[in-house]
Amino acid sequence: MNMTKEMTIGQVLRANPAAAKILMGFGMGCMGCPSAQAESLEDAAMVHGINIDVLMEALAEDANPDW
């Protein structure tokens, strides 16, 4: 599976639970909230003032080989 900015936080976490530590490191601690199931990575990054490209790079570096 290829990780994209359009994936919801929930999709990312279901595909790679280890991504939680990266998201938390960026201050995205609301992974269990309802919006995590509907909000894309890009939208969440914007809400939290995070550069989506930097977030995607960090997730890719720590990615599961199945990405």
C-alpha atoms as a PDB file:
ATOM      1  CA  MET A   1       0.000   0.000   0.000  1.00  0.00           C
ATOM      2  CA  ASN A   2       1.291   3.438  -0.899  1.00  0.00           C
ATOM      3  CA  MET A   3       0.835   6.055   1.783  1.00  0.00           C
ATOM      4  CA  THR A   4      -0.646   9.310   0.494  1.00  0.00           C
ATOM      5  CA  LYS A   5      -1.583  12.701   1.929  1.00  0.00           C
ATOM      6  CA  GLU A   6      -5.197  11.863   1.174  1.00  0.00           C
ATOM      7  CA  MET A   7      -5.257   8.859   3.534  1.00  0.00           C
ATOM      8  CA  THR A   8      -7.054   9.371   6.807  1.00  0.00           C
ATOM      9  CA  ILE A   9      -5.105   9.146  10.018  1.00  0.00           C
ATOM     10  CA  GLY A  10      -7.112   6.039  10.837  1.00  0.00           C
ATOM     11  CA  GLN A  11      -6.098   4.373   7.564  1.00  0.00           C
ATOM     12  CA  VAL A  12      -2.443   5.135   8.208  1.00  0.00           C
ATOM     13  CA  LEU A  13      -2.623   3.726  11.728  1.00  0.00           C
ATOM     14  CA  ARG A  14      -4.451   0.577  10.646  1.00  0.00           C
ATOM     15  CA  ALA A  15      -1.838  -0.034   7.945  1.00  0.00           C
ATOM     16  CA  ASN A  16       1.113   0.809  10.193  1.00  0.00           C
ATOM     17  CA  PRO A  17       0.415   1.191  13.935  1.00  0.00           C
ATOM     18  CA  ALA A  18       4.033   2.271  14.454  1.00  0.00           C
ATOM     19  CA  ALA A  19       3.191   5.528  12.632  1.00  0.00           C
ATOM     20  CA  ALA A  20       1.559   6.689  15.880  1.00  0.00           C
ATOM     21  CA  LYS A  21       4.933   7.624  17.366  1.00  0.00           C
ATOM     22  CA  ILE A  22       5.740   9.803  14.352  1.00  0.00           C
ATOM     23  CA  LEU A  23       2.357  11.531  14.437  1.00  0.00           C
ATOM     24  CA  MET A  24       2.635  12.102  18.194  1.00  0.00           C
ATOM     25  CA  GLY A  25       6.126  13.496  17.690  1.00  0.00           C
ATOM     26  CA  PHE A  26       4.607  16.113  15.410  1.00  0.00           C
ATOM     27  CA  GLY A  27       2.054  17.045  18.079  1.00  0.00           C
ATOM     28  CA  MET A  28      -0.811  15.133  16.527  1.00  0.00           C
ATOM     29  CA  GLY A  29      -2.095  13.533  19.711  1.00  0.00           C
ATOM     30  CA  CYS A  30      -5.721  13.248  18.643  1.00  0.00           C
ATOM     31  CA  MET A  31      -5.312   9.942  16.812  1.00  0.00           C
ATOM     32  CA  GLY A  32      -8.176   8.361  18.695  1.00  0.00           C
ATOM     33  CA  CYS A  33     -10.613  11.208  18.154  1.00  0.00           C
ATOM     34  CA  PRO A  34     -13.492  10.829  15.677  1.00  0.00           C
ATOM     35  CA  SER A  35     -11.932  13.217  13.171  1.00  0.00           C
ATOM     36  CA  ALA A  36      -8.956  10.842  12.819  1.00  0.00           C
ATOM     37  CA  GLN A  37     -11.287   8.486  10.967  1.00  0.00           C
ATOM     38  CA  ALA A  38     -12.389  11.143   8.480  1.00  0.00           C
ATOM     39  CA  GLU A  39      -9.593  13.720   8.360  1.00  0.00           C
ATOM     40  CA  SER A  40      -6.826  13.270   5.814  1.00  0.00           C
ATOM     41  CA  LEU A  41      -3.185  13.550   6.782  1.00  0.00           C
ATOM     42  CA  GLU A  42      -3.013  16.747   4.752  1.00  0.00           C
ATOM     43  CA  ASP A  43      -6.011  18.291   6.531  1.00  0.00           C
ATOM     44  CA  ALA A  44      -4.713  17.275   9.954  1.00  0.00           C
ATOM     45  CA  ALA A  45      -1.285  18.692   9.178  1.00  0.00           C
ATOM     46  CA  MET A  46      -2.845  21.992   8.132  1.00  0.00           C
ATOM     47  CA  VAL A  47      -4.938  22.186  11.325  1.00  0.00           C
ATOM     48  CA  HIS A  48      -1.835  21.529  13.442  1.00  0.00           C
ATOM     49  CA  GLY A  49       0.408  23.919  11.463  1.00  0.00           C
ATOM     50  CA  ILE A  50       2.629  21.093  10.207  1.00  0.00           C
ATOM     51  CA  ASN A  51       4.308  21.049   6.806  1.00  0.00           C
ATOM     52  CA  ILE A  52       2.718  18.023   5.109  1.00  0.00           C
ATOM     53  CA  ASP A  53       5.828  17.287   3.061  1.00  0.00           C
ATOM     54  CA  VAL A  54       7.990  17.114   6.189  1.00  0.00           C
ATOM     55  CA  LEU A  55       5.405  14.860   7.864  1.00  0.00           C
ATOM     56  CA  MET A  56       5.227  12.572   4.831  1.00  0.00           C
ATOM     57  CA  GLU A  57       9.029  12.299   4.739  1.00  0.00           C
ATOM     58  CA  ALA A  58       9.133  11.361   8.422  1.00  0.00           C
ATOM     59  CA  LEU A  59       6.418   8.749   7.947  1.00  0.00           C
ATOM     60  CA  ALA A  60       8.189   7.348   4.887  1.00  0.00           C
ATOM     61  CA  GLU A  61      11.511   7.053   6.736  1.00  0.00           C
ATOM     62  CA  ASP A  62       9.868   5.007   9.459  1.00  0.00           C
ATOM     63  CA  ALA A  63       7.498   3.206   7.111  1.00  0.00           C
ATOM     64  CA  ASN A  64       6.637  -0.414   7.182  1.00  0.00           C
ATOM     65  CA  PRO A  65       8.272  -2.146   4.164  1.00  0.00           C
ATOM     66  CA  ASP A  66       4.757  -2.893   2.908  1.00  0.00           C
ATOM     67  CA  TRP A  67       4.038   0.758   2.088  1.00  0.00           C
END
